[in-house]
């Protein structure tokens, strides 16, 4: 084996490794804030670690960027007495998520074998109005 051939394979391996590991500069991250301006924490209220998001975002052709909106114990969504207030908070939430480039929302509509919709099988959720079985007129 010629001298240059002995050195070529390690050099090619090193170059391939360097190119595959090249990630560029790490994105600048900032804490995610809720509508009250407070940091959002992992695991709802159970963790002190803030959710960190990039300052700028480069969209990809295909990517799921989703959030889970937990309604059990009103972790992420408050109780409401009327459909108008519910819709307003929901639209505000969707607008805010859209501004953060979120393209999927998983909204918990059956927190504890109850429902956020009319059902013959399950009562209206107590996390919707504060009392199980109490409907919000006009909410469908």
Protein backbone atom coordinates (compact mmCIF):
# COMPACT_ATOMS: atom_id res chain seq x y z
CA UNK A 1 0.00 0.00 0.00
CA UNK A 2 1.37 3.39 -0.95
CA UNK A 3 2.02 5.99 1.76
CA UNK A 4 -0.68 8.37 0.54
CA UNK A 5 -3.25 5.52 0.54
CA UNK A 6 -2.48 4.70 4.19
CA UNK A 7 -3.23 8.27 5.17
CA UNK A 8 -6.22 8.81 2.88
CA UNK A 9 -8.68 6.58 4.73
CA UNK A 10 -8.10 8.20 8.15
CA UNK A 11 -8.28 11.65 6.56
CA UNK A 12 -11.55 10.84 4.80
CA UNK A 13 -12.98 9.39 8.02
CA UNK A 14 -11.97 12.50 9.94
CA UNK A 15 -13.47 14.79 7.28
CA UNK A 16 -16.73 12.84 7.18
CA UNK A 17 -16.98 12.92 10.98
CA UNK A 18 -16.31 16.65 11.08
CA UNK A 19 -18.94 17.35 8.42
CA UNK A 20 -21.58 15.16 10.08
CA UNK A 21 -20.98 16.77 13.50
CA UNK A 22 -20.99 20.32 12.15
CA UNK A 23 -24.07 21.84 13.74
CA UNK A 24 -23.19 25.50 13.50
CA UNK A 25 -23.71 27.91 16.34
CA UNK A 26 -26.07 26.79 19.09
CA UNK A 27 -29.35 28.74 18.99
CA UNK A 28 -29.92 31.39 21.62
CA UNK A 29 -32.61 30.15 24.01
CA UNK A 30 -34.97 32.14 26.23
CA UNK A 31 -37.60 31.01 28.76
CA UNK A 32 -41.13 30.55 27.39
CA UNK A 33 -43.55 32.99 29.09
CA UNK A 34 -47.27 32.51 29.72
CA UNK A 35 -49.88 35.23 29.14
CA UNK A 36 -49.14 36.66 32.62
CA UNK A 37 -45.45 37.01 31.75
CA UNK A 38 -44.33 34.18 34.06
CA UNK A 39 -42.03 31.34 32.98
CA UNK A 40 -43.72 28.15 31.79
CA UNK A 41 -42.27 25.08 33.54
CA UNK A 42 -41.99 21.48 32.44
CA UNK A 43 -44.63 19.17 33.98
CA UNK A 44 -47.05 22.04 34.57
CA UNK A 45 -46.66 23.22 38.15
CA UNK A 46 -44.51 20.30 39.29
CA UNK A 47 -41.07 21.45 38.07
CA UNK A 48 -38.83 24.47 38.53
CA UNK A 49 -37.11 23.94 35.17
CA UNK A 50 -38.34 26.54 32.64
CA UNK A 51 -39.27 25.55 29.09
CA UNK A 52 -36.62 27.08 26.83
CA UNK A 53 -37.36 28.14 23.25
CA UNK A 54 -35.12 29.56 20.50
CA UNK A 55 -35.16 33.32 19.90
CA UNK A 56 -35.43 32.80 16.14
CA UNK A 57 -36.72 29.84 14.20
CA UNK A 58 -35.90 28.50 10.74
CA UNK A 59 -38.96 26.60 9.48
CA UNK A 60 -38.45 23.15 7.98
CA UNK A 61 -40.44 21.73 5.09
CA UNK A 62 -42.17 19.10 7.25
CA UNK A 63 -42.18 19.23 11.01
CA UNK A 64 -44.68 18.68 13.82
CA UNK A 65 -44.32 21.39 16.46
CA UNK A 66 -47.12 20.63 18.88
CA UNK A 67 -48.22 21.42 22.41
CA UNK A 68 -50.46 19.56 24.84
CA UNK A 69 -52.97 21.80 26.61
CA UNK A 70 -53.73 20.09 29.92
CA UNK A 71 -57.19 20.85 31.27
CA UNK A 72 -57.11 18.46 34.23
CA UNK A 73 -56.82 20.49 37.45
CA UNK A 74 -56.93 23.56 35.16
CA UNK A 75 -53.17 23.29 34.64
CA UNK A 76 -53.11 25.15 31.30
CA UNK A 77 -56.69 26.33 30.81
CA UNK A 78 -58.90 28.16 33.31
CA UNK A 79 -62.54 27.52 34.25
CA UNK A 80 -65.21 29.60 32.50
CA UNK A 81 -68.84 30.51 33.12
CA UNK A 82 -69.80 31.37 29.56
CA UNK A 83 -68.99 30.30 26.02
CA UNK A 84 -67.72 33.76 25.02
CA UNK A 85 -64.98 33.79 27.68
CA UNK A 86 -64.01 30.21 26.81
CA UNK A 87 -63.76 31.00 23.09
CA UNK A 88 -61.79 34.20 23.77
CA UNK A 89 -59.20 32.41 25.92
CA UNK A 90 -58.97 29.56 23.39
CA UNK A 91 -58.46 31.98 20.47
CA UNK A 92 -55.87 33.94 22.47
CA UNK A 93 -54.05 30.68 23.19
CA UNK A 94 -54.12 29.64 19.51
CA UNK A 95 -52.89 33.07 18.38
CA UNK A 96 -50.02 32.94 20.85
CA UNK A 97 -49.07 29.41 19.78
CA UNK A 98 -49.19 30.42 16.12
CA UNK A 99 -46.81 33.30 16.89
CA UNK A 100 -44.42 30.70 18.35
CA UNK A 101 -44.63 28.63 15.13
CA UNK A 102 -46.62 25.83 16.76
CA UNK A 103 -48.52 23.93 14.08
CA UNK A 104 -50.43 21.36 16.18
CA UNK A 105 -52.48 21.68 19.37
CA UNK A 106 -53.54 18.68 21.43
CA UNK A 107 -56.32 20.03 23.64
CA UNK A 108 -57.39 17.68 26.43
CA UNK A 109 -61.19 17.42 26.15
CA UNK A 110 -61.73 14.42 28.48
CA UNK A 111 -59.70 15.13 31.63
CA UNK A 112 -61.13 12.61 34.15
CA UNK A 113 -63.79 10.51 32.41
CA UNK A 114 -65.78 13.68 31.88
CA UNK A 115 -66.04 15.89 28.82
CA UNK A 116 -65.66 19.40 27.40
CA UNK A 117 -68.50 18.64 24.97
CA UNK A 118 -72.11 17.39 25.18
CA UNK A 119 -72.07 13.64 25.78
CA UNK A 120 -74.70 11.02 26.60
CA UNK A 121 -71.99 8.92 28.29
CA UNK A 122 -69.94 11.41 30.27
CA UNK A 123 -70.88 14.50 32.32
CA UNK A 124 -69.60 17.98 31.56
CA UNK A 125 -66.14 18.36 33.09
CA UNK A 126 -65.75 20.08 36.46
CA UNK A 127 -62.57 21.63 35.03
CA UNK A 128 -64.73 23.55 32.58
CA UNK A 129 -67.04 25.37 35.00
CA UNK A 130 -65.93 24.33 38.49
CA UNK A 131 -68.82 21.90 38.96
CA UNK A 132 -69.17 18.48 37.34
CA UNK A 133 -72.20 18.20 35.09
CA UNK A 134 -72.68 21.96 34.70
CA UNK A 135 -72.88 22.90 31.05
CA UNK A 136 -71.73 26.15 29.49
CA UNK A 137 -74.68 27.28 27.35
CA UNK A 138 -73.67 27.86 23.76
CA UNK A 139 -70.48 25.79 23.93
CA UNK A 140 -70.47 22.95 21.44
